[in-house]
């Protein structure tokens, strides 16, 4: 069963920053809902690499926002 993550901007400019270690993976039937999010809002998904030098990565996502896959 998928999960739902709702980002509620309440109609004002806002920012969300997600710092995720190694992998950003969305399971089947998962949904991210942008509720009352303005065009001037920012959503950043920082997918961090690990100490061995491997870059992070993202799978199974169709997303709105910035997805940064980078080294630790």
C-alpha atoms as a PDB file:
ATOM      1  CA  UNK A   1       0.000   0.000   0.000  1.00  0.00           C
ATOM      2  CA  UNK A   2       1.319   3.458  -0.901  1.00  0.00           C
ATOM      3  CA  UNK A   3       1.771   6.348   1.476  1.00  0.00           C
ATOM      4  CA  UNK A   4       0.737   9.993   1.112  1.00  0.00           C
ATOM      5  CA  UNK A   5       2.882  12.967   2.137  1.00  0.00           C
ATOM      6  CA  UNK A   6       0.992  16.288   2.164  1.00  0.00           C
ATOM      7  CA  UNK A   7       2.895  19.573   2.073  1.00  0.00           C
ATOM      8  CA  UNK A   8       0.415  22.270   3.117  1.00  0.00           C
ATOM      9  CA  UNK A   9       1.631  25.763   2.251  1.00  0.00           C
ATOM     10  CA  UNK A  10      -1.475  27.417   3.734  1.00  0.00           C
ATOM     11  CA  UNK A  11      -1.426  29.851   0.799  1.00  0.00           C
ATOM     12  CA  UNK A  12       1.788  31.629   1.815  1.00  0.00           C
ATOM     13  CA  UNK A  13       5.329  31.364   0.444  1.00  0.00           C
ATOM     14  CA  UNK A  14       7.195  28.603   2.228  1.00  0.00           C
ATOM     15  CA  UNK A  15      10.168  26.263   2.075  1.00  0.00           C
ATOM     16  CA  UNK A  16      10.581  22.557   2.688  1.00  0.00           C
ATOM     17  CA  UNK A  17      14.014  20.947   2.867  1.00  0.00           C
ATOM     18  CA  UNK A  18      14.354  17.176   3.100  1.00  0.00           C
ATOM     19  CA  UNK A  19      17.848  15.823   3.889  1.00  0.00           C
ATOM     20  CA  UNK A  20      17.903  12.137   3.019  1.00  0.00           C
ATOM     21  CA  UNK A  21      20.895   9.860   3.522  1.00  0.00           C
ATOM     22  CA  UNK A  22      21.890   7.811   0.456  1.00  0.00           C
ATOM     23  CA  UNK A  23      18.591   6.953  -1.305  1.00  0.00           C
ATOM     24  CA  UNK A  24      15.269   8.674  -1.983  1.00  0.00           C
ATOM     25  CA  UNK A  25      12.918   5.892  -3.042  1.00  0.00           C
ATOM     26  CA  UNK A  26       9.180   6.231  -3.434  1.00  0.00           C
ATOM     27  CA  UNK A  27       7.218   3.007  -3.114  1.00  0.00           C
ATOM     28  CA  UNK A  28       4.456   2.020  -5.503  1.00  0.00           C
ATOM     29  CA  UNK A  29       1.297   4.108  -5.207  1.00  0.00           C
ATOM     30  CA  UNK A  30       3.004   6.789  -3.095  1.00  0.00           C
ATOM     31  CA  UNK A  31       1.837  10.358  -3.526  1.00  0.00           C
ATOM     32  CA  UNK A  32       3.156  13.781  -2.567  1.00  0.00           C
ATOM     33  CA  UNK A  33       0.326  16.317  -2.418  1.00  0.00           C
ATOM     34  CA  UNK A  34       1.093  20.019  -2.710  1.00  0.00           C
ATOM     35  CA  UNK A  35      -1.813  21.708  -0.950  1.00  0.00           C
ATOM     36  CA  UNK A  36      -2.144  25.501  -1.168  1.00  0.00           C
ATOM     37  CA  UNK A  37       1.536  25.812  -2.168  1.00  0.00           C
ATOM     38  CA  UNK A  38       2.393  29.123  -3.881  1.00  0.00           C
ATOM     39  CA  UNK A  39       4.521  29.478  -7.010  1.00  0.00           C
ATOM     40  CA  UNK A  40       7.168  31.219  -4.863  1.00  0.00           C
ATOM     41  CA  UNK A  41       7.542  28.262  -2.495  1.00  0.00           C
ATOM     42  CA  UNK A  42      10.627  26.045  -2.535  1.00  0.00           C
ATOM     43  CA  UNK A  43      10.881  22.278  -2.134  1.00  0.00           C
ATOM     44  CA  UNK A  44      14.383  20.808  -1.919  1.00  0.00           C
ATOM     45  CA  UNK A  45      15.110  17.077  -1.713  1.00  0.00           C
ATOM     46  CA  UNK A  46      18.798  16.731  -0.703  1.00  0.00           C
ATOM     47  CA  UNK A  47      19.825  13.146  -1.363  1.00  0.00           C
ATOM     48  CA  UNK A  48      23.172  12.827   0.378  1.00  0.00           C
ATOM     49  CA  UNK A  49      25.867  10.356  -0.520  1.00  0.00           C
ATOM     50  CA  UNK A  50      27.780   8.337   2.016  1.00  0.00           C
ATOM     51  CA  UNK A  51      31.233   8.516   3.594  1.00  0.00           C
ATOM     52  CA  UNK A  52      32.663   6.057   1.062  1.00  0.00           C
ATOM     53  CA  UNK A  53      32.183   8.634  -1.698  1.00  0.00           C
ATOM     54  CA  UNK A  54      29.099   7.132  -3.310  1.00  0.00           C
ATOM     55  CA  UNK A  55      26.621   9.710  -4.558  1.00  0.00           C
ATOM     56  CA  UNK A  56      23.026   9.472  -3.429  1.00  0.00           C
ATOM     57  CA  UNK A  57      20.298   8.617  -5.904  1.00  0.00           C
ATOM     58  CA  UNK A  58      16.577   8.847  -6.466  1.00  0.00           C
ATOM     59  CA  UNK A  59      14.207   6.201  -7.844  1.00  0.00           C
ATOM     60  CA  UNK A  60      10.497   5.821  -8.424  1.00  0.00           C
ATOM     61  CA  UNK A  61       9.742   9.531  -8.252  1.00  0.00           C
ATOM     62  CA  UNK A  62       7.924  12.054 -10.326  1.00  0.00           C
ATOM     63  CA  UNK A  63       8.454  15.183  -8.292  1.00  0.00           C
ATOM     64  CA  UNK A  64       8.101  18.926  -8.286  1.00  0.00           C
ATOM     65  CA  UNK A  65      11.000  20.714  -6.664  1.00  0.00           C
ATOM     66  CA  UNK A  66      14.772  20.458  -6.667  1.00  0.00           C
ATOM     67  CA  UNK A  67      16.345  17.027  -6.265  1.00  0.00           C
ATOM     68  CA  UNK A  68      20.037  17.292  -5.411  1.00  0.00           C
ATOM     69  CA  UNK A  69      21.948  14.029  -5.640  1.00  0.00           C
ATOM     70  CA  UNK A  70      25.420  14.684  -4.289  1.00  0.00           C
ATOM     71  CA  UNK A  71      28.324  13.325  -2.304  1.00  0.00           C
ATOM     72  CA  UNK A  72      28.523  13.460   1.493  1.00  0.00           C
END
